[in-house]
Amino acid sequence: MQIAIVSTDGVNVNDHFGKAERFLIYEAGPQGLAPIAERQVARLSTGDQSHQFDAARFAAVAEALAGCQRVYCTRIGDRPRQELEKLGITAVIHEGAIAAISAA
């Protein structure tokens, strides 16, 4: 199963989904995590607390997540979570070491 991770340091899940400028893509299996790719994206969030959901920005992020079944992040808004679910991607709230993530 492919998963995406929001990480600024490559070691920890440590950022909000909307602030992600890259996703680290891993294959998660019985032997643990194997890195596959790093996919750069434009941030979904503009930083404005009252910003409206931007479908075009989300589409670009969703394209970067193609093939992933889960995305790990420290936080995610309700609308982005719902839109990911429509694509068959589960958002998992996790803060801490990437190495602690299991395929279960």
N, C-alpha and C. Protein backbone atom coordinates (compact mmCIF):
# COMPACT_ATOMS: atom_id res chain seq x y z
N MET A 1 0.84 -1.17 0.00
CA MET A 1 0.00 0.00 0.00
C MET A 1 0.89 1.24 0.00
N GLN A 2 0.55 2.20 -0.84
CA GLN A 2 1.30 3.45 -0.87
C GLN A 2 0.69 4.45 0.10
N ILE A 3 1.56 5.15 0.81
CA ILE A 3 1.12 6.20 1.72
C ILE A 3 1.90 7.47 1.43
N ALA A 4 1.30 8.60 1.80
CA ALA A 4 1.96 9.90 1.67
C ALA A 4 2.14 10.47 3.06
N ILE A 5 3.25 11.15 3.25
CA ILE A 5 3.59 11.71 4.56
C ILE A 5 3.94 13.19 4.40
N VAL A 6 3.36 14.01 5.29
CA VAL A 6 3.70 15.43 5.33
C VAL A 6 4.84 15.58 6.33
N SER A 7 6.01 15.97 5.83
CA SER A 7 7.19 16.11 6.68
C SER A 7 8.08 17.22 6.15
N THR A 8 8.54 18.06 7.05
CA THR A 8 9.47 19.11 6.65
C THR A 8 10.92 18.66 6.80
N ASP A 9 11.14 17.60 7.61
CA ASP A 9 12.51 17.17 7.87
C ASP A 9 12.85 15.77 7.36
N GLY A 10 11.86 15.06 6.80
CA GLY A 10 12.11 13.73 6.29
C GLY A 10 12.24 12.65 7.35
N VAL A 11 12.05 13.03 8.61
CA VAL A 11 12.19 12.09 9.72
C VAL A 11 10.87 11.95 10.49
N ASN A 12 10.15 13.05 10.60
CA ASN A 12 8.92 13.09 11.39
C ASN A 12 7.73 13.57 10.57
N VAL A 13 6.55 13.09 10.94
CA VAL A 13 5.31 13.69 10.46
C VAL A 13 5.15 14.93 11.32
N ASN A 14 5.23 16.12 10.70
CA ASN A 14 5.32 17.31 11.54
C ASN A 14 4.68 18.56 10.95
N ASP A 15 3.69 18.38 10.07
CA ASP A 15 3.06 19.58 9.52
C ASP A 15 1.61 19.30 9.13
N HIS A 16 0.88 20.38 8.98
CA HIS A 16 -0.53 20.40 8.60
C HIS A 16 -0.64 20.04 7.11
N PHE A 17 -1.67 19.31 6.75
CA PHE A 17 -1.91 18.93 5.36
C PHE A 17 -1.89 20.15 4.44
N GLY A 18 -2.60 21.20 4.82
CA GLY A 18 -2.71 22.39 3.97
C GLY A 18 -1.42 23.16 3.81
N LYS A 19 -0.45 22.93 4.68
CA LYS A 19 0.84 23.63 4.60
C LYS A 19 1.90 22.83 3.85
N ALA A 20 1.55 21.61 3.46
CA ALA A 20 2.53 20.74 2.80
C ALA A 20 3.02 21.34 1.49
N GLU A 21 4.33 21.36 1.34
CA GLU A 21 4.96 21.77 0.09
C GLU A 21 5.55 20.57 -0.64
N ARG A 22 5.48 19.42 0.05
CA ARG A 22 5.92 18.17 -0.55
C ARG A 22 5.26 17.03 0.21
N PHE A 23 5.15 15.91 -0.47
CA PHE A 23 4.69 14.67 0.16
C PHE A 23 5.77 13.63 -0.06
N LEU A 24 6.11 12.94 1.00
CA LEU A 24 7.04 11.82 0.89
C LEU A 24 6.17 10.58 0.67
N ILE A 25 6.45 9.86 -0.39
CA ILE A 25 5.65 8.69 -0.75
C ILE A 25 6.42 7.43 -0.38
N TYR A 26 5.74 6.54 0.34
CA TYR A 26 6.33 5.28 0.79
C TYR A 26 5.45 4.11 0.38
N GLU A 27 6.07 2.97 0.24
CA GLU A 27 5.35 1.70 0.14
C GLU A 27 5.36 1.14 1.56
N ALA A 28 4.16 0.91 2.10
CA ALA A 28 4.03 0.36 3.45
C ALA A 28 3.64 -1.10 3.34
N GLY A 29 4.45 -1.96 3.91
CA GLY A 29 4.18 -3.39 3.85
C GLY A 29 4.62 -4.09 5.11
N PRO A 30 4.56 -5.42 5.12
CA PRO A 30 4.92 -6.19 6.31
C PRO A 30 6.35 -5.93 6.81
N GLN A 31 7.25 -5.57 5.90
CA GLN A 31 8.64 -5.31 6.29
C GLN A 31 8.86 -3.86 6.70
N GLY A 32 7.82 -3.05 6.73
CA GLY A 32 7.95 -1.66 7.11
C GLY A 32 7.74 -0.72 5.95
N LEU A 33 8.39 0.43 6.01
CA LEU A 33 8.24 1.47 4.99
C LEU A 33 9.44 1.50 4.06
N ALA A 34 9.15 1.61 2.78
CA ALA A 34 10.22 1.77 1.78
C ALA A 34 9.93 3.05 1.00
N PRO A 35 10.87 4.00 0.98
CA PRO A 35 10.64 5.25 0.26
C PRO A 35 10.53 5.02 -1.25
N ILE A 36 9.59 5.73 -1.87
CA ILE A 36 9.37 5.62 -3.31
C ILE A 36 9.70 6.93 -4.02
N ALA A 37 9.16 8.04 -3.50
CA ALA A 37 9.29 9.31 -4.20
C ALA A 37 9.06 10.48 -3.26
N GLU A 38 9.42 11.64 -3.75
CA GLU A 38 9.09 12.90 -3.10
C GLU A 38 8.37 13.73 -4.14
N ARG A 39 7.17 14.17 -3.83
CA ARG A 39 6.37 14.93 -4.79
C ARG A 39 6.13 16.34 -4.26
N GLN A 40 6.61 17.31 -5.01
CA GLN A 40 6.47 18.72 -4.66
C GLN A 40 5.07 19.21 -5.04
N VAL A 41 4.50 20.09 -4.21
CA VAL A 41 3.19 20.67 -4.49
C VAL A 41 3.18 22.13 -4.07
N ALA A 42 2.24 22.89 -4.61
CA ALA A 42 1.96 24.23 -4.10
C ALA A 42 1.06 24.04 -2.89
N ARG A 43 1.31 24.77 -1.84
CA ARG A 43 0.52 24.65 -0.62
C ARG A 43 -0.97 24.84 -0.89
N LEU A 44 -1.78 23.99 -0.28
CA LEU A 44 -3.23 24.14 -0.39
C LEU A 44 -3.69 25.38 0.36
N SER A 45 -3.11 25.64 1.51
CA SER A 45 -3.50 26.78 2.33
C SER A 45 -2.78 28.04 1.89
N THR A 46 -3.54 29.12 1.84
CA THR A 46 -2.94 30.41 1.50
C THR A 46 -2.45 31.14 2.74
N GLY A 47 -2.76 30.60 3.91
CA GLY A 47 -2.38 31.25 5.16
C GLY A 47 -3.47 32.15 5.72
N ASP A 48 -4.46 32.46 4.92
CA ASP A 48 -5.59 33.28 5.36
C ASP A 48 -6.59 32.37 6.08
N GLN A 49 -6.83 32.63 7.37
CA GLN A 49 -7.71 31.77 8.16
C GLN A 49 -9.12 31.66 7.58
N SER A 50 -9.57 32.67 6.87
CA SER A 50 -10.93 32.66 6.33
C SER A 50 -10.99 32.24 4.86
N HIS A 51 -9.89 31.69 4.35
CA HIS A 51 -9.87 31.35 2.92
C HIS A 51 -10.91 30.29 2.57
N GLN A 52 -11.44 30.41 1.39
CA GLN A 52 -12.38 29.43 0.88
C GLN A 52 -11.61 28.23 0.33
N PHE A 53 -12.28 27.08 0.29
CA PHE A 53 -11.66 25.90 -0.30
C PHE A 53 -11.42 26.17 -1.78
N ASP A 54 -10.21 25.90 -2.24
CA ASP A 54 -9.82 26.16 -3.63
C ASP A 54 -9.73 24.82 -4.35
N ALA A 55 -10.74 24.52 -5.16
CA ALA A 55 -10.81 23.23 -5.85
C ALA A 55 -9.63 23.02 -6.80
N ALA A 56 -9.18 24.06 -7.45
CA ALA A 56 -8.05 23.92 -8.38
C ALA A 56 -6.77 23.59 -7.63
N ARG A 57 -6.53 24.26 -6.52
CA ARG A 57 -5.33 23.97 -5.73
C ARG A 57 -5.41 22.54 -5.18
N PHE A 58 -6.61 22.16 -4.72
CA PHE A 58 -6.78 20.81 -4.19
C PHE A 58 -6.54 19.77 -5.28
N ALA A 59 -7.01 20.04 -6.48
CA ALA A 59 -6.82 19.08 -7.58
C ALA A 59 -5.34 18.82 -7.84
N ALA A 60 -4.52 19.85 -7.75
CA ALA A 60 -3.08 19.69 -7.95
C ALA A 60 -2.47 18.85 -6.84
N VAL A 61 -2.92 19.07 -5.60
CA VAL A 61 -2.43 18.27 -4.48
C VAL A 61 -2.89 16.82 -4.64
N ALA A 62 -4.16 16.64 -5.01
CA ALA A 62 -4.71 15.29 -5.20
C ALA A 62 -3.94 14.54 -6.28
N GLU A 63 -3.52 15.23 -7.31
CA GLU A 63 -2.74 14.59 -8.37
C GLU A 63 -1.42 14.06 -7.82
N ALA A 64 -0.81 14.81 -6.92
CA ALA A 64 0.44 14.37 -6.31
C ALA A 64 0.24 13.15 -5.41
N LEU A 65 -0.98 12.96 -4.93
CA LEU A 65 -1.29 11.85 -4.04
C LEU A 65 -1.83 10.62 -4.79
N ALA A 66 -1.85 10.70 -6.10
CA ALA A 66 -2.37 9.58 -6.91
C ALA A 66 -1.65 8.29 -6.54
N GLY A 67 -2.43 7.24 -6.32
CA GLY A 67 -1.87 5.93 -5.98
C GLY A 67 -1.76 5.69 -4.48
N CYS A 68 -1.94 6.73 -3.68
CA CYS A 68 -1.83 6.58 -2.23
C CYS A 68 -3.18 6.23 -1.62
N GLN A 69 -3.13 5.40 -0.59
CA GLN A 69 -4.35 5.04 0.12
C GLN A 69 -4.52 5.83 1.43
N ARG A 70 -3.40 6.35 1.95
CA ARG A 70 -3.43 7.13 3.19
C ARG A 70 -2.49 8.32 3.06
N VAL A 71 -2.82 9.37 3.82
CA VAL A 71 -1.90 10.49 3.96
C VAL A 71 -1.80 10.80 5.45
N TYR A 72 -0.57 10.88 5.94
CA TYR A 72 -0.28 11.14 7.34
C TYR A 72 0.12 12.61 7.51
N CYS A 73 -0.55 13.29 8.44
CA CYS A 73 -0.28 14.70 8.70
C CYS A 73 -0.65 14.99 10.16
N THR A 74 -0.23 16.16 10.65
CA THR A 74 -0.54 16.51 12.03
C THR A 74 -1.95 17.07 12.19
N ARG A 75 -2.45 17.69 11.13
CA ARG A 75 -3.81 18.26 11.13
C ARG A 75 -4.30 18.33 9.70
N ILE A 76 -5.64 18.38 9.56
CA ILE A 76 -6.25 18.56 8.25
C ILE A 76 -7.65 19.14 8.46
N GLY A 77 -8.04 20.04 7.59
CA GLY A 77 -9.38 20.63 7.68
C GLY A 77 -10.45 19.63 7.26
N ASP A 78 -11.68 19.92 7.66
CA ASP A 78 -12.79 19.02 7.33
C ASP A 78 -13.00 18.87 5.83
N ARG A 79 -13.00 19.98 5.11
CA ARG A 79 -13.27 19.91 3.66
C ARG A 79 -12.18 19.13 2.93
N PRO A 80 -10.89 19.41 3.15
CA PRO A 80 -9.87 18.60 2.47
C PRO A 80 -9.97 17.12 2.84
N ARG A 81 -10.30 16.82 4.10
CA ARG A 81 -10.45 15.42 4.52
C ARG A 81 -11.59 14.76 3.72
N GLN A 82 -12.70 15.46 3.61
CA GLN A 82 -13.85 14.93 2.87
C GLN A 82 -13.51 14.71 1.40
N GLU A 83 -12.79 15.65 0.82
CA GLU A 83 -12.42 15.53 -0.59
C GLU A 83 -11.46 14.37 -0.80
N LEU A 84 -10.53 14.17 0.12
CA LEU A 84 -9.63 13.02 0.03
C LEU A 84 -10.41 11.71 0.11
N GLU A 85 -11.38 11.66 1.03
CA GLU A 85 -12.19 10.45 1.19
C GLU A 85 -12.92 10.10 -0.11
N LYS A 86 -13.39 11.12 -0.83
CA LYS A 86 -14.05 10.89 -2.12
C LYS A 86 -13.10 10.21 -3.11
N LEU A 87 -11.81 10.45 -2.93
CA LEU A 87 -10.79 9.86 -3.81
C LEU A 87 -10.28 8.52 -3.28
N GLY A 88 -10.82 8.09 -2.15
CA GLY A 88 -10.38 6.82 -1.57
C GLY A 88 -9.11 6.94 -0.75
N ILE A 89 -8.79 8.15 -0.31
CA ILE A 89 -7.58 8.39 0.49
C ILE A 89 -8.01 8.73 1.91
N THR A 90 -7.48 8.01 2.87
CA THR A 90 -7.78 8.25 4.28
C THR A 90 -6.72 9.16 4.89
N ALA A 91 -7.17 10.23 5.53
CA ALA A 91 -6.24 11.11 6.25
C ALA A 91 -6.04 10.53 7.65
N VAL A 92 -4.79 10.39 8.04
CA VAL A 92 -4.44 9.85 9.36
C VAL A 92 -3.69 10.93 10.13
N ILE A 93 -4.23 11.28 11.30
CA ILE A 93 -3.56 12.27 12.14
C ILE A 93 -2.48 11.54 12.93
N HIS A 94 -1.26 12.00 12.73
CA HIS A 94 -0.10 11.37 13.37
C HIS A 94 0.95 12.45 13.55
N GLU A 95 1.55 12.49 14.72
CA GLU A 95 2.66 13.41 14.94
C GLU A 95 3.78 12.63 15.57
N GLY A 96 4.93 12.64 14.93
CA GLY A 96 6.06 11.91 15.45
C GLY A 96 6.83 11.22 14.34
N ALA A 97 7.63 10.27 14.72
CA ALA A 97 8.56 9.62 13.80
C ALA A 97 7.85 8.87 12.67
N ILE A 98 8.36 9.08 11.47
CA ILE A 98 7.87 8.34 10.31
C ILE A 98 8.09 6.85 10.54
N ALA A 99 9.20 6.50 11.14
CA ALA A 99 9.55 5.10 11.39
C ALA A 99 8.52 4.38 12.27
N ALA A 100 7.73 5.14 13.03
CA ALA A 100 6.73 4.54 13.91
C ALA A 100 5.45 4.16 13.18
N ILE A 101 5.33 4.54 11.91
CA ILE A 101 4.13 4.22 11.14
C ILE A 101 4.21 2.77 10.68
N SER A 102 3.10 2.08 10.84
CA SER A 102 3.04 0.67 10.37
C SER A 102 1.99 0.57 9.28
N ALA A 103 2.03 -0.52 8.56
CA ALA A 103 1.09 -0.76 7.45
C ALA A 103 -0.28 -1.16 7.95
N ALA A 104 -0.42 -1.45 9.23
CA ALA A 104 -1.71 -1.92 9.77
C ALA A 104 -2.79 -0.87 9.67
